[in-house]
Amino acid sequence: MGIKTGRGKLKQRCDACQKKNHNRLARESAKRHYKSVVRKYTCATCNNEFEQMGRGKLRKTCPECKEKSATSNTLDNNVKNMELLQALIEEKENEDNLDALMWEGMQ
């Protein structure tokens, strides 16, 4: 490479590759010191206490309640859409009936 380090030795890597290598080594060494953590949380919907492994964000709802709410939302949306369509169909039929009555009155 031709560039010398602060101690006078030649550099073996460019700055970008050196940073990548340093980050990789730091990640690998941090994994050795990692201890899994078990934490308890209470579900917001069913108020039961559960345990969560790892160091991520603490959950607010248990997986069962989360799954229930996701499926119920889609069902509610489908029901609402069907009700809206039925209302529109009935409205259109009422308009057609009014038009027919109007034409009968003209004859």
PDB file of N, CA and C in Angstrom:
ATOM      1  N   MET A   1       0.820  -1.188   0.000  1.00  0.00           N
ATOM      2  CA  MET A   1       0.000   0.000   0.000  1.00  0.00           C
ATOM      3  C   MET A   1       0.865   1.254   0.000  1.00  0.00           C
ATOM      4  N   GLY A   2       2.015   1.205   0.614  1.00  0.00           N
ATOM      5  CA  GLY A   2       2.908   2.345   0.594  1.00  0.00           C
ATOM      6  C   GLY A   2       2.663   3.356   1.689  1.00  0.00           C
ATOM      7  N   ILE A   3       1.570   3.266   2.432  1.00  0.00           N
ATOM      8  CA  ILE A   3       1.277   4.218   3.501  1.00  0.00           C
ATOM      9  C   ILE A   3       1.761   3.608   4.813  1.00  0.00           C
ATOM     10  N   LYS A   4       2.409   4.449   5.636  1.00  0.00           N
ATOM     11  CA  LYS A   4       2.934   3.949   6.895  1.00  0.00           C
ATOM     12  C   LYS A   4       1.986   4.266   8.045  1.00  0.00           C
ATOM     13  N   THR A   5       2.037   3.428   9.057  1.00  0.00           N
ATOM     14  CA  THR A   5       1.256   3.671  10.262  1.00  0.00           C
ATOM     15  C   THR A   5       2.008   4.667  11.133  1.00  0.00           C
ATOM     16  N   GLY A   6       1.453   4.984  12.286  1.00  0.00           N
ATOM     17  CA  GLY A   6       2.101   5.922  13.205  1.00  0.00           C
ATOM     18  C   GLY A   6       3.406   5.396  13.762  1.00  0.00           C
ATOM     19  N   ARG A   7       3.583   4.081  13.784  1.00  0.00           N
ATOM     20  CA  ARG A   7       4.801   3.487  14.329  1.00  0.00           C
ATOM     21  C   ARG A   7       5.845   3.215  13.244  1.00  0.00           C
ATOM     22  N   GLY A   8       5.530   3.569  12.010  1.00  0.00           N
ATOM     23  CA  GLY A   8       6.507   3.415  10.947  1.00  0.00           C
ATOM     24  C   GLY A   8       6.349   2.155  10.119  1.00  0.00           C
ATOM     25  N   LYS A   9       5.457   1.241  10.504  1.00  0.00           N
ATOM     26  CA  LYS A   9       5.235   0.032   9.712  1.00  0.00           C
ATOM     27  C   LYS A   9       4.320   0.354   8.536  1.00  0.00           C
ATOM     28  N   LEU A  10       4.385  -0.473   7.510  1.00  0.00           N
ATOM     29  CA  LEU A  10       3.490  -0.289   6.377  1.00  0.00           C
ATOM     30  C   LEU A  10       2.094  -0.794   6.738  1.00  0.00           C
ATOM     31  N   LYS A  11       1.076  -0.055   6.270  1.00  0.00           N
ATOM     32  CA  LYS A  11      -0.309  -0.462   6.514  1.00  0.00           C
ATOM     33  C   LYS A  11      -0.632  -1.682   5.675  1.00  0.00           C
ATOM     34  N   GLN A  12      -1.413  -2.593   6.250  1.00  0.00           N
ATOM     35  CA  GLN A  12      -1.807  -3.793   5.519  1.00  0.00           C
ATOM     36  C   GLN A  12      -3.184  -3.639   4.888  1.00  0.00           C
ATOM     37  N   ARG A  13      -4.004  -2.724   5.410  1.00  0.00           N
ATOM     38  CA  ARG A  13      -5.365  -2.527   4.903  1.00  0.00           C
ATOM     39  C   ARG A  13      -5.627  -1.042   4.684  1.00  0.00           C
ATOM     40  N   CYS A  14      -6.586  -0.751   3.781  1.00  0.00           N
ATOM     41  CA  CYS A  14      -7.023   0.635   3.613  1.00  0.00           C
ATOM     42  C   CYS A  14      -7.915   1.006   4.801  1.00  0.00           C
ATOM     43  N   ASP A  15      -8.239   2.295   4.939  1.00  0.00           N
ATOM     44  CA  ASP A  15      -9.003   2.762   6.102  1.00  0.00           C
ATOM     45  C   ASP A  15     -10.383   2.115   6.184  1.00  0.00           C
ATOM     46  N   ALA A  16     -11.077   1.985   5.042  1.00  0.00           N
ATOM     47  CA  ALA A  16     -12.423   1.403   5.042  1.00  0.00           C
ATOM     48  C   ALA A  16     -12.372  -0.069   5.461  1.00  0.00           C
ATOM     49  N   CYS A  17     -11.425  -0.824   4.903  1.00  0.00           N
ATOM     50  CA  CYS A  17     -11.309  -2.245   5.245  1.00  0.00           C
ATOM     51  C   CYS A  17     -10.874  -2.412   6.695  1.00  0.00           C
ATOM     52  N   GLN A  18     -10.021  -1.522   7.179  1.00  0.00           N
ATOM     53  CA  GLN A  18      -9.573  -1.584   8.567  1.00  0.00           C
ATOM     54  C   GLN A  18     -10.752  -1.393   9.519  1.00  0.00           C
ATOM     55  N   LYS A  19     -11.630  -0.434   9.184  1.00  0.00           N
ATOM     56  CA  LYS A  19     -12.802  -0.176  10.034  1.00  0.00           C
ATOM     57  C   LYS A  19     -13.742  -1.382  10.027  1.00  0.00           C
ATOM     58  N   LYS A  20     -13.978  -1.972   8.837  1.00  0.00           N
ATOM     59  CA  LYS A  20     -14.831  -3.162   8.744  1.00  0.00           C
ATOM     60  C   LYS A  20     -14.264  -4.306   9.580  1.00  0.00           C
ATOM     61  N   ASN A  21     -12.948  -4.526   9.469  1.00  0.00           N
ATOM     62  CA  ASN A  21     -12.301  -5.610  10.203  1.00  0.00           C
ATOM     63  C   ASN A  21     -12.388  -5.365  11.708  1.00  0.00           C
ATOM     64  N   HIS A  22     -12.178  -4.141  12.127  1.00  0.00           N
ATOM     65  CA  HIS A  22     -12.256  -3.796  13.551  1.00  0.00           C
ATOM     66  C   HIS A  22     -13.668  -4.050  14.083  1.00  0.00           C
ATOM     67  N   ASN A  23     -14.687  -3.638  13.321  1.00  0.00           N
ATOM     68  CA  ASN A  23     -16.072  -3.849  13.742  1.00  0.00           C
ATOM     69  C   ASN A  23     -16.407  -5.341  13.829  1.00  0.00           C
ATOM     70  N   ARG A  24     -15.913  -6.127  12.881  1.00  0.00           N
ATOM     71  CA  ARG A  24     -16.162  -7.570  12.894  1.00  0.00           C
ATOM     72  C   ARG A  24     -15.540  -8.214  14.130  1.00  0.00           C
ATOM     73  N   LEU A  25     -14.286  -7.839  14.425  1.00  0.00           N
ATOM     74  CA  LEU A  25     -13.617  -8.395  15.598  1.00  0.00           C
ATOM     75  C   LEU A  25     -14.325  -7.984  16.885  1.00  0.00           C
ATOM     76  N   ALA A  26     -14.802  -6.739  16.943  1.00  0.00           N
ATOM     77  CA  ALA A  26     -15.509  -6.260  18.133  1.00  0.00           C
ATOM     78  C   ALA A  26     -16.811  -7.026  18.327  1.00  0.00           C
ATOM     79  N   ARG A  27     -17.545  -7.290  17.230  1.00  0.00           N
ATOM     80  CA  ARG A  27     -18.793  -8.064  17.314  1.00  0.00           C
ATOM     81  C   ARG A  27     -18.528  -9.469  17.842  1.00  0.00           C
ATOM     82  N   GLU A  28     -17.495 -10.115  17.296  1.00  0.00           N
ATOM     83  CA  GLU A  28     -17.185 -11.483  17.708  1.00  0.00           C
ATOM     84  C   GLU A  28     -16.763 -11.542  19.169  1.00  0.00           C
ATOM     85  N   SER A  29     -15.988 -10.565  19.619  1.00  0.00           N
ATOM     86  CA  SER A  29     -15.553 -10.589  21.017  1.00  0.00           C
ATOM     87  C   SER A  29     -16.711 -10.262  21.953  1.00  0.00           C
ATOM     88  N   ALA A  30     -17.661  -9.432  21.510  1.00  0.00           N
ATOM     89  CA  ALA A  30     -18.811  -9.098  22.352  1.00  0.00           C
ATOM     90  C   ALA A  30     -19.721 -10.307  22.526  1.00  0.00           C
ATOM     91  N   LYS A  31     -19.793 -11.181  21.522  1.00  0.00           N
ATOM     92  CA  LYS A  31     -20.637 -12.372  21.616  1.00  0.00           C
ATOM     93  C   LYS A  31     -20.171 -13.296  22.738  1.00  0.00           C
ATOM     94  N   ARG A  32     -18.872 -13.329  23.001  1.00  0.00           N
ATOM     95  CA  ARG A  32     -18.356 -14.198  24.059  1.00  0.00           C
ATOM     96  C   ARG A  32     -18.799 -13.724  25.441  1.00  0.00           C
ATOM     97  N   HIS A  33     -19.001 -12.416  25.598  1.00  0.00           N
ATOM     98  CA  HIS A  33     -19.384 -11.861  26.898  1.00  0.00           C
ATOM     99  C   HIS A  33     -20.890 -11.781  27.072  1.00  0.00           C
ATOM    100  N   TYR A  34     -21.645 -12.160  26.067  1.00  0.00           N
ATOM    101  CA  TYR A  34     -23.101 -12.039  26.115  1.00  0.00           C
ATOM    102  C   TYR A  34     -23.693 -13.115  27.008  1.00  0.00           C
ATOM    103  N   LYS A  35     -24.560 -12.700  27.913  1.00  0.00           N
ATOM    104  CA  LYS A  35     -25.303 -13.640  28.749  1.00  0.00           C
ATOM    105  C   LYS A  35     -26.777 -13.397  28.484  1.00  0.00           C
ATOM    106  N   SER A  36     -27.511 -14.467  28.167  1.00  0.00           N
ATOM    107  CA  SER A  36     -28.925 -14.280  27.865  1.00  0.00           C
ATOM    108  C   SER A  36     -29.662 -13.875  29.139  1.00  0.00           C
ATOM    109  N   VAL A  37     -30.601 -12.962  28.991  1.00  0.00           N
ATOM    110  CA  VAL A  37     -31.346 -12.416  30.114  1.00  0.00           C
ATOM    111  C   VAL A  37     -32.787 -12.892  30.009  1.00  0.00           C
ATOM    112  N   VAL A  38     -33.366 -13.287  31.122  1.00  0.00           N
ATOM    113  CA  VAL A  38     -34.777 -13.671  31.163  1.00  0.00           C
ATOM    114  C   VAL A  38     -35.506 -12.599  31.957  1.00  0.00           C
ATOM    115  N   ARG A  39     -36.488 -11.953  31.312  1.00  0.00           N
ATOM    116  CA  ARG A  39     -37.256 -10.894  31.978  1.00  0.00           C
ATOM    117  C   ARG A  39     -38.727 -11.240  31.944  1.00  0.00           C
ATOM    118  N   LYS A  40     -39.459 -10.726  32.924  1.00  0.00           N
ATOM    119  CA  LYS A  40     -40.897 -10.979  33.010  1.00  0.00           C
ATOM    120  C   LYS A  40     -41.660  -9.742  32.565  1.00  0.00           C
ATOM    121  N   TYR A  41     -42.771  -9.971  31.873  1.00  0.00           N
ATOM    122  CA  TYR A  41     -43.648  -8.877  31.471  1.00  0.00           C
ATOM    123  C   TYR A  41     -45.089  -9.324  31.615  1.00  0.00           C
ATOM    124  N   THR A  42     -45.985  -8.366  31.803  1.00  0.00           N
ATOM    125  CA  THR A  42     -47.410  -8.686  31.893  1.00  0.00           C
ATOM    126  C   THR A  42     -48.086  -8.235  30.608  1.00  0.00           C
ATOM    127  N   CYS A  43     -48.935  -9.090  30.091  1.00  0.00           N
ATOM    128  CA  CYS A  43     -49.655  -8.803  28.852  1.00  0.00           C
ATOM    129  C   CYS A  43     -50.691  -7.715  29.122  1.00  0.00           C
ATOM    130  N   ALA A  44     -50.797  -6.761  28.218  1.00  0.00           N
ATOM    131  CA  ALA A  44     -51.723  -5.642  28.400  1.00  0.00           C
ATOM    132  C   ALA A  44     -53.176  -6.071  28.214  1.00  0.00           C
ATOM    133  N   THR A  45     -53.431  -7.130  27.438  1.00  0.00           N
ATOM    134  CA  THR A  45     -54.818  -7.528  27.180  1.00  0.00           C
ATOM    135  C   THR A  45     -55.314  -8.593  28.153  1.00  0.00           C
ATOM    136  N   CYS A  46     -54.505  -9.629  28.410  1.00  0.00           N
ATOM    137  CA  CYS A  46     -54.986 -10.714  29.282  1.00  0.00           C
ATOM    138  C   CYS A  46     -54.424 -10.631  30.702  1.00  0.00           C
ATOM    139  N   ASN A  47     -53.516  -9.706  30.974  1.00  0.00           N
ATOM    140  CA  ASN A  47     -52.917  -9.468  32.299  1.00  0.00           C
ATOM    141  C   ASN A  47     -52.235 -10.701  32.892  1.00  0.00           C
ATOM    142  N   ASN A  48     -51.753 -11.602  32.064  1.00  0.00           N
ATOM    143  CA  ASN A  48     -50.970 -12.744  32.539  1.00  0.00           C
ATOM    144  C   ASN A  48     -49.495 -12.391  32.480  1.00  0.00           C
ATOM    145  N   GLU A  49     -48.691 -13.049  33.308  1.00  0.00           N
ATOM    146  CA  GLU A  49     -47.262 -12.765  33.348  1.00  0.00           C
ATOM    147  C   GLU A  49     -46.520 -13.786  32.488  1.00  0.00           C
ATOM    148  N   PHE A  50     -45.593 -13.300  31.649  1.00  0.00           N
ATOM    149  CA  PHE A  50     -44.814 -14.151  30.753  1.00  0.00           C
ATOM    150  C   PHE A  50     -43.335 -13.823  30.900  1.00  0.00           C
ATOM    151  N   GLU A  51     -42.490 -14.726  30.397  1.00  0.00           N
ATOM    152  CA  GLU A  51     -41.048 -14.497  30.403  1.00  0.00           C
ATOM    153  C   GLU A  51     -40.572 -14.265  28.981  1.00  0.00           C
ATOM    154  N   GLN A  52     -39.578 -13.381  28.867  1.00  0.00           N
ATOM    155  CA  GLN A  52     -39.002 -13.063  27.561  1.00  0.00           C
ATOM    156  C   GLN A  52     -37.500 -13.263  27.647  1.00  0.00           C
ATOM    157  N   MET A  53     -36.934 -13.977  26.669  1.00  0.00           N
ATOM    158  CA  MET A  53     -35.494 -14.215  26.628  1.00  0.00           C
ATOM    159  C   MET A  53     -34.834 -13.143  25.771  1.00  0.00           C
ATOM    160  N   GLY A  54     -33.602 -12.815  26.069  1.00  0.00           N
ATOM    161  CA  GLY A  54     -32.834 -11.895  25.254  1.00  0.00           C
ATOM    162  C   GLY A  54     -32.858 -10.480  25.784  1.00  0.00           C
ATOM    163  N   ARG A  55     -32.175  -9.597  25.063  1.00  0.00           N
ATOM    164  CA  ARG A  55     -32.014  -8.227  25.521  1.00  0.00           C
ATOM    165  C   ARG A  55     -32.784  -7.221  24.677  1.00  0.00           C
ATOM    166  N   GLY A  56     -33.733  -7.684  23.870  1.00  0.00           N
ATOM    167  CA  GLY A  56     -34.510  -6.770  23.033  1.00  0.00           C
ATOM    168  C   GLY A  56     -35.515  -5.978  23.838  1.00  0.00           C
ATOM    169  N   LYS A  57     -36.349  -5.221  23.134  1.00  0.00           N
ATOM    170  CA  LYS A  57     -37.405  -4.448  23.790  1.00  0.00           C
ATOM    171  C   LYS A  57     -38.360  -5.373  24.520  1.00  0.00           C
ATOM    172  N   LEU A  58     -38.831  -4.952  25.674  1.00  0.00           N
ATOM    173  CA  LEU A  58     -39.769  -5.755  26.441  1.00  0.00           C
ATOM    174  C   LEU A  58     -41.139  -5.707  25.769  1.00  0.00           C
ATOM    175  N   ARG A  59     -41.754  -6.876  25.591  1.00  0.00           N
ATOM    176  CA  ARG A  59     -43.048  -6.948  24.915  1.00  0.00           C
ATOM    177  C   ARG A  59     -44.145  -6.341  25.768  1.00  0.00           C
ATOM    178  N   LYS A  60     -45.233  -5.929  25.117  1.00  0.00           N
ATOM    179  CA  LYS A  60     -46.404  -5.412  25.822  1.00  0.00           C
ATOM    180  C   LYS A  60     -47.543  -6.416  25.796  1.00  0.00           C
ATOM    181  N   THR A  61     -47.625  -7.213  24.727  1.00  0.00           N
ATOM    182  CA  THR A  61     -48.680  -8.222  24.625  1.00  0.00           C
ATOM    183  C   THR A  61     -48.042  -9.573  24.331  1.00  0.00           C
ATOM    184  N   CYS A  62     -48.702 -10.624  24.797  1.00  0.00           N
ATOM    185  CA  CYS A  62     -48.192 -11.972  24.545  1.00  0.00           C
ATOM    186  C   CYS A  62     -48.469 -12.341  23.083  1.00  0.00           C
ATOM    187  N   PRO A  63     -47.725 -13.303  22.529  1.00  0.00           N
ATOM    188  CA  PRO A  63     -47.919 -13.675  21.122  1.00  0.00           C
ATOM    189  C   PRO A  63     -49.336 -14.146  20.807  1.00  0.00           C
ATOM    190  N   GLU A  64     -49.993 -14.829  21.764  1.00  0.00           N
ATOM    191  CA  GLU A  64     -51.354 -15.318  21.519  1.00  0.00           C
ATOM    192  C   GLU A  64     -52.322 -14.158  21.338  1.00  0.00           C
ATOM    193  N   CYS A  65     -52.250 -13.171  22.230  1.00  0.00           N
ATOM    194  CA  CYS A  65     -53.155 -12.016  22.136  1.00  0.00           C
ATOM    195  C   CYS A  65     -52.850 -11.191  20.889  1.00  0.00           C
ATOM    196  N   LYS A  66     -51.577 -11.104  20.546  1.00  0.00           N
ATOM    197  CA  LYS A  66     -51.191 -10.347  19.356  1.00  0.00           C
ATOM    198  C   LYS A  66     -51.769 -11.005  18.108  1.00  0.00           C
ATOM    199  N   GLU A  67     -51.723 -12.336  18.064  1.00  0.00           N
ATOM    200  CA  GLU A  67     -52.270 -13.074  16.922  1.00  0.00           C
ATOM    201  C   GLU A  67     -53.785 -12.917  16.854  1.00  0.00           C
ATOM    202  N   LYS A  68     -54.437 -12.975  18.016  1.00  0.00           N
ATOM    203  CA  LYS A  68     -55.892 -12.812  18.053  1.00  0.00           C
ATOM    204  C   LYS A  68     -56.298 -11.445  17.530  1.00  0.00           C
ATOM    205  N   SER A  69     -55.591 -10.402  17.967  1.00  0.00           N
ATOM    206  CA  SER A  69     -55.964  -9.047  17.546  1.00  0.00           C
ATOM    207  C   SER A  69     -55.724  -8.849  16.056  1.00  0.00           C
ATOM    208  N   ALA A  70     -54.674  -9.460  15.514  1.00  0.00           N
ATOM    209  CA  ALA A  70     -54.387  -9.318  14.085  1.00  0.00           C
ATOM    210  C   ALA A  70     -55.471  -9.987  13.250  1.00  0.00           C
ATOM    211  N   THR A  71     -55.913 -11.173  13.657  1.00  0.00           N
ATOM    212  CA  THR A  71     -56.940 -11.868  12.880  1.00  0.00           C
ATOM    213  C   THR A  71     -58.297 -11.210  13.054  1.00  0.00           C
ATOM    214  N   SER A  72     -58.592 -10.704  14.248  1.00  0.00           N
ATOM    215  CA  SER A  72     -59.895 -10.069  14.461  1.00  0.00           C
ATOM    216  C   SER A  72     -60.000  -8.772  13.669  1.00  0.00           C
ATOM    217  N   ASN A  73     -58.888  -8.048  13.515  1.00  0.00           N
ATOM    218  CA  ASN A  73     -58.921  -6.813  12.731  1.00  0.00           C
ATOM    219  C   ASN A  73     -59.276  -7.098  11.282  1.00  0.00           C
ATOM    220  N   THR A  74     -58.719  -8.146  10.714  1.00  0.00           N
ATOM    221  CA  THR A  74     -59.017  -8.447   9.314  1.00  0.00           C
ATOM    222  C   THR A  74     -60.464  -8.887   9.167  1.00  0.00           C
ATOM    223  N   LEU A  75     -60.975  -9.662  10.132  1.00  0.00           N
ATOM    224  CA  LEU A  75     -62.373 -10.086  10.062  1.00  0.00           C
ATOM    225  C   LEU A  75     -63.306  -8.899  10.209  1.00  0.00           C
ATOM    226  N   ASP A  76     -62.992  -7.991  11.139  1.00  0.00           N
ATOM    227  CA  ASP A  76     -63.816  -6.801  11.325  1.00  0.00           C
ATOM    228  C   ASP A  76     -63.847  -5.968  10.050  1.00  0.00           C
ATOM    229  N   ASN A  77     -62.687  -5.824   9.408  1.00  0.00           N
ATOM    230  CA  ASN A  77     -62.625  -5.048   8.170  1.00  0.00           C
ATOM    231  C   ASN A  77     -63.476  -5.699   7.087  1.00  0.00           C
ATOM    232  N   ASN A  78     -63.429  -7.028   6.976  1.00  0.00           N
ATOM    233  CA  ASN A  78     -64.229  -7.723   5.967  1.00  0.00           C
ATOM    234  C   ASN A  78     -65.714  -7.545   6.236  1.00  0.00           C
ATOM    235  N   VAL A  79     -66.119  -7.651   7.503  1.00  0.00           N
ATOM    236  CA  VAL A  79     -67.529  -7.493   7.858  1.00  0.00           C
ATOM    237  C   VAL A  79     -67.985  -6.072   7.550  1.00  0.00           C
ATOM    238  N   LYS A  80     -67.161  -5.095   7.893  1.00  0.00           N
ATOM    239  CA  LYS A  80     -67.517  -3.694   7.632  1.00  0.00           C
ATOM    240  C   LYS A  80     -67.656  -3.441   6.133  1.00  0.00           C
ATOM    241  N   ASN A  81     -66.746  -4.007   5.353  1.00  0.00           N
ATOM    242  CA  ASN A  81     -66.812  -3.834   3.901  1.00  0.00           C
ATOM    243  C   ASN A  81     -68.078  -4.464   3.328  1.00  0.00           C
ATOM    244  N   MET A  82     -68.430  -5.645   3.820  1.00  0.00           N
ATOM    245  CA  MET A  82     -69.642  -6.311   3.336  1.00  0.00           C
ATOM    246  C   MET A  82     -70.887  -5.499   3.694  1.00  0.00           C
ATOM    247  N   GLU A  83     -70.932  -4.950   4.911  1.00  0.00           N
ATOM    248  CA  GLU A  83     -72.076  -4.131   5.318  1.00  0.00           C
ATOM    249  C   GLU A  83     -72.188  -2.890   4.439  1.00  0.00           C
ATOM    250  N   LEU A  84     -71.062  -2.274   4.132  1.00  0.00           N
ATOM    251  CA  LEU A  84     -71.054  -1.086   3.280  1.00  0.00           C
ATOM    252  C   LEU A  84     -71.570  -1.428   1.886  1.00  0.00           C
ATOM    253  N   LEU A  85     -71.115  -2.553   1.340  1.00  0.00           N
ATOM    254  CA  LEU A  85     -71.570  -2.962   0.011  1.00  0.00           C
ATOM    255  C   LEU A  85     -73.067  -3.251   0.001  1.00  0.00           C
ATOM    256  N   GLN A  86     -73.568  -3.912   1.040  1.00  0.00           N
ATOM    257  CA  GLN A  86     -75.003  -4.193   1.126  1.00  0.00           C
ATOM    258  C   GLN A  86     -75.806  -2.893   1.175  1.00  0.00           C
ATOM    259  N   ALA A  87     -75.323  -1.926   1.950  1.00  0.00           N
ATOM    260  CA  ALA A  87     -76.020  -0.642   2.055  1.00  0.00           C
ATOM    261  C   ALA A  87     -76.044   0.071   0.706  1.00  0.00           C
ATOM    262  N   LEU A  88     -74.930   0.027  -0.028  1.00  0.00           N
ATOM    263  CA  LEU A  88     -74.874   0.665  -1.343  1.00  0.00           C
ATOM    264  C   LEU A  88     -75.818  -0.016  -2.331  1.00  0.00           C
ATOM    265  N   ILE A  89     -75.892  -1.344  -2.273  1.00  0.00           N
ATOM    266  CA  ILE A  89     -76.782  -2.081  -3.176  1.00  0.00           C
ATOM    267  C   ILE A  89     -78.236  -1.723  -2.892  1.00  0.00           C
ATOM    268  N   GLU A  90     -78.607  -1.684  -1.606  1.00  0.00           N
ATOM    269  CA  GLU A  90     -79.982  -1.329  -1.241  1.00  0.00           C
ATOM    270  C   GLU A  90     -80.319   0.096  -1.672  1.00  0.00           C
ATOM    271  N   GLU A  91     -79.362   0.994  -1.513  1.00  0.00           N
ATOM    272  CA  GLU A  91     -79.573   2.392  -1.912  1.00  0.00           C
ATOM    273  C   GLU A  91     -79.810   2.487  -3.417  1.00  0.00           C
ATOM    274  N   LYS A  92     -79.031   1.743  -4.188  1.00  0.00           N
ATOM    275  CA  LYS A  92     -79.172   1.747  -5.643  1.00  0.00           C
ATOM    276  C   LYS A  92     -80.536   1.173  -6.051  1.00  0.00           C
ATOM    277  N   GLU A  93     -80.973   0.096  -5.379  1.00  0.00           N
ATOM    278  CA  GLU A  93     -82.281  -0.488  -5.697  1.00  0.00           C
ATOM    279  C   GLU A  93     -83.404   0.493  -5.387  1.00  0.00           C
ATOM    280  N   ASN A  94     -83.289   1.228  -4.292  1.00  0.00           N
ATOM    281  CA  ASN A  94     -84.300   2.231  -3.944  1.00  0.00           C
ATOM    282  C   ASN A  94     -84.374   3.331  -5.003  1.00  0.00           C
ATOM    283  N   GLU A  95     -83.208   3.748  -5.508  1.00  0.00           N
ATOM    284  CA  GLU A  95     -83.185   4.772  -6.562  1.00  0.00           C
ATOM    285  C   GLU A  95     -83.858   4.249  -7.826  1.00  0.00           C
ATOM    286  N   ASP A  96     -83.591   2.987  -8.181  1.00  0.00           N
ATOM    287  CA  ASP A  96     -84.204   2.396  -9.371  1.00  0.00           C
ATOM    288  C   ASP A  96     -85.726   2.325  -9.217  1.00  0.00           C
ATOM    289  N   ASN A  97     -86.182   1.966  -8.013  1.00  0.00           N
ATOM    290  CA  ASN A  97     -87.629   1.913  -7.762  1.00  0.00           C
ATOM    291  C   ASN A  97     -88.260   3.295  -7.905  1.00  0.00           C
ATOM    292  N   LEU A  98     -87.587   4.322  -7.410  1.00  0.00           N
ATOM    293  CA  LEU A  98     -88.105   5.687  -7.528  1.00  0.00           C
ATOM    294  C   LEU A  98     -88.189   6.114  -8.990  1.00  0.00           C
ATOM    295  N   ASP A  99     -87.168   5.755  -9.772  1.00  0.00           N
ATOM    296  CA  ASP A  99     -87.171   6.096 -11.200  1.00  0.00           C
ATOM    297  C   ASP A  99     -88.331   5.407 -11.913  1.00  0.00           C
ATOM    298  N   ALA A 100     -88.579   4.147 -11.582  1.00  0.00           N
ATOM    299  CA  ALA A 100     -89.673   3.404 -12.211  1.00  0.00           C
ATOM    300  C   ALA A 100     -91.015   4.031 -11.849  1.00  0.00           C
ATOM    301  N   LEU A 101     -91.187   4.412 -10.589  1.00  0.00           N
ATOM    302  CA  LEU A 101     -92.435   5.051 -10.164  1.00  0.00           C
ATOM    303  C   LEU A 101     -92.638   6.392 -10.868  1.00  0.00           C
ATOM    304  N   MET A 102     -91.559   7.126 -11.067  1.00  0.00           N
ATOM    305  CA  MET A 102     -91.653   8.426 -11.727  1.00  0.00           C
ATOM    306  C   MET A 102     -92.110   8.256 -13.181  1.00  0.00           C
ATOM    307  N   TRP A 103     -91.565   7.258 -13.896  1.00  0.00           N
ATOM    308  CA  TRP A 103     -91.938   7.029 -15.280  1.00  0.00           C
ATOM    309  C   TRP A 103     -93.383   6.546 -15.386  1.00  0.00           C
ATOM    310  N   GLU A 104     -93.815   5.745 -14.426  1.00  0.00           N
ATOM    311  CA  GLU A 104     -95.204   5.283 -14.445  1.00  0.00           C
ATOM    312  C   GLU A 104     -96.163   6.450 -14.265  1.00  0.00           C
ATOM    313  N   GLY A 105     -95.790   7.393 -13.447  1.00  0.00           N
ATOM    314  CA  GLY A 105     -96.638   8.563 -13.220  1.00  0.00           C
ATOM    315  C   GLY A 105     -96.743   9.440 -14.447  1.00  0.00           C
ATOM    316  N   MET A 106     -95.748   9.457 -15.307  1.00  0.00           N
ATOM    317  CA  MET A 106     -95.756  10.291 -16.506  1.00  0.00           C
ATOM    318  C   MET A 106     -96.647   9.700 -17.588  1.00  0.00           C
ATOM    319  N   GLN A 107     -96.854   8.403 -17.582  1.00  0.00           N
ATOM    320  CA  GLN A 107     -97.628   7.785 -18.660  1.00  0.00           C
ATOM    321  C   GLN A 107     -99.085   7.916 -18.470  1.00  0.00           C
TER     322      GLN A 107
END
